[in-house]
Amino acid sequence: QVKLVESGGGSVQAGGSLRLSCTAPGYTSNSCGMDWYRQAPGKEREFVSSISTDGTTRYADSVKGQFTISEDKGKDTVFLQMNSLKPEDTAMYSCKMSCYNEYFGWKNYWGQGTQVTVSS
């Protein structure tokens, strides 16, 4: 079982910034991509951003221009830089690693999440 470790969440005032981290052993060596999702109380889980094995990035329309996904392959870590935070960004943020193995195909691994709370 692969364990993803998330950090960087916390409480911030509207307009502030946070940088989330997701460290996942094997992310670089095992041809993996990483997605960020978020889920607010009473709402469904929502796609936020992703970075593919070739470095291609994607963003939900709701965060485009506001969030930036990046990676440090040497540290098996993916970051989500969140700027200009708004109260509606308040949610539990989770990372999902997707890896391909020539013998076992695609497998997904979820982190437990880190809470982001944005106050007005």
Protein backbone atom coordinates (compact mmCIF):
# COMPACT_ATOMS: atom_id res chain seq x y z
CA GLN A 1 0.00 0.00 0.00
CA VAL A 2 1.34 3.42 -1.04
CA LYS A 3 0.88 6.18 1.52
CA LEU A 4 0.42 9.75 0.33
CA VAL A 5 1.24 12.46 2.86
CA GLU A 6 -0.39 15.87 2.47
CA SER A 7 0.52 19.05 4.29
CA GLY A 8 0.25 22.81 4.06
CA GLY A 9 -3.38 23.32 4.94
CA GLY A 10 -4.55 25.75 7.56
CA SER A 11 -6.59 28.86 8.17
CA VAL A 12 -6.02 31.99 6.14
CA GLN A 13 -7.82 35.26 5.56
CA ALA A 14 -9.47 35.94 2.23
CA GLY A 15 -6.88 37.11 -0.28
CA GLY A 16 -4.12 35.12 1.34
CA SER A 17 -2.09 32.23 0.00
CA LEU A 18 -1.27 28.67 0.93
CA ARG A 19 0.93 26.02 -0.65
CA LEU A 20 -0.19 22.44 -0.29
CA SER A 21 2.23 19.55 -0.62
CA CYS A 22 1.64 15.93 -1.46
CA THR A 23 4.54 13.57 -0.98
CA ALA A 24 4.15 10.10 -2.44
CA PRO A 25 7.00 7.61 -2.54
CA GLY A 26 7.36 6.20 -6.01
CA TYR A 27 5.70 9.16 -7.74
CA THR A 28 8.70 9.86 -9.97
CA SER A 29 10.09 6.38 -10.45
CA ASN A 30 6.80 4.71 -11.29
CA SER A 31 5.49 7.01 -14.06
CA CYS A 32 2.74 8.64 -12.06
CA GLY A 33 0.52 11.66 -12.44
CA MET A 34 -1.07 13.59 -9.61
CA ASP A 35 -4.49 15.16 -9.17
CA TRP A 36 -5.79 17.53 -6.53
CA TYR A 37 -9.42 17.36 -5.44
CA ARG A 38 -11.39 19.23 -2.83
CA GLN A 39 -14.59 18.60 -0.94
CA ALA A 40 -16.51 21.08 1.15
CA PRO A 41 -19.06 20.01 3.77
CA GLY A 42 -22.33 19.07 2.13
CA LYS A 43 -20.85 19.18 -1.36
CA GLU A 44 -19.50 16.59 -3.73
CA ARG A 45 -15.82 16.09 -4.34
CA GLU A 46 -14.55 18.44 -7.02
CA PHE A 47 -11.58 18.21 -9.36
CA VAL A 48 -9.12 21.06 -8.84
CA SER A 49 -5.94 20.43 -10.80
CA SER A 50 -3.68 17.75 -12.23
CA ILE A 51 -0.20 17.22 -13.55
CA SER A 52 0.54 14.39 -15.95
CA THR A 53 3.66 12.30 -16.40
CA ASP A 54 4.78 14.56 -19.25
CA GLY A 55 4.27 17.68 -17.14
CA THR A 56 1.00 18.73 -18.73
CA THR A 57 -1.18 20.61 -16.26
CA ARG A 58 -4.95 21.01 -16.01
CA TYR A 59 -7.12 23.25 -13.88
CA ALA A 60 -10.77 23.48 -13.06
CA ASP A 61 -12.29 26.65 -14.44
CA SER A 62 -13.06 27.75 -10.91
CA VAL A 63 -9.37 27.97 -9.97
CA LYS A 64 -7.67 28.74 -13.28
CA GLY A 65 -5.32 31.68 -12.85
CA GLN A 66 -5.60 31.38 -9.08
CA PHE A 67 -3.97 28.01 -8.34
CA THR A 68 -0.75 26.57 -9.77
CA ILE A 69 0.31 22.95 -9.68
CA SER A 70 3.99 22.02 -9.77
CA GLU A 71 6.29 19.19 -8.80
CA ASP A 72 9.67 18.38 -7.33
CA LYS A 73 10.46 14.99 -8.80
CA GLY A 74 13.56 14.60 -6.67
CA LYS A 75 11.37 14.77 -3.56
CA ASP A 76 8.44 12.77 -4.99
CA THR A 77 6.32 15.79 -4.18
CA VAL A 78 3.59 17.74 -5.94
CA PHE A 79 2.57 21.21 -4.84
CA LEU A 80 -0.59 23.24 -5.18
CA GLN A 81 0.06 26.94 -4.83
CA MET A 82 -3.18 28.67 -3.94
CA ASN A 83 -3.32 32.44 -4.23
CA SER A 84 -6.08 34.99 -3.79
CA LEU A 85 -8.00 32.56 -1.64
CA LYS A 86 -11.71 33.08 -1.20
CA PRO A 87 -14.11 31.68 1.41
CA GLU A 88 -15.56 29.42 -1.26
CA ASP A 89 -12.15 27.73 -1.51
CA THR A 90 -12.69 26.33 1.98
CA ALA A 91 -12.59 22.55 1.71
CA MET A 92 -10.68 19.41 2.47
CA TYR A 93 -8.01 19.12 -0.22
CA SER A 94 -6.81 15.66 -1.21
CA CYS A 95 -4.26 14.41 -3.68
CA LYS A 96 -4.67 11.36 -5.86
CA MET A 97 -1.71 9.65 -7.47
CA SER A 98 -2.30 7.62 -10.62
CA CYS A 99 0.45 5.24 -11.66
CA TYR A 100 0.93 2.88 -14.56
CA ASN A 101 2.72 -0.42 -14.29
CA GLU A 102 3.28 -2.58 -17.35
CA TYR A 103 2.21 -5.65 -15.40
CA PHE A 104 -0.68 -4.30 -13.31
CA GLY A 105 -1.95 -1.39 -15.36
CA TRP A 106 -3.24 1.82 -13.80
CA LYS A 107 -3.65 2.16 -10.05
CA ASN A 108 -4.92 5.12 -8.02
CA TYR A 109 -3.86 6.14 -4.52
CA TRP A 110 -5.55 8.76 -2.33
CA GLY A 111 -4.19 10.92 0.44
CA GLN A 112 -6.23 11.57 3.57
CA GLY A 113 -6.52 15.27 2.90
CA THR A 114 -5.50 18.57 4.43
CA GLN A 115 -8.03 21.14 5.56
CA VAL A 116 -8.06 24.63 4.07
CA THR A 117 -10.22 27.25 5.75
CA VAL A 118 -10.54 30.73 4.29
CA SER A 119 -12.20 33.38 6.41
CA SER A 120 -13.74 36.61 5.20
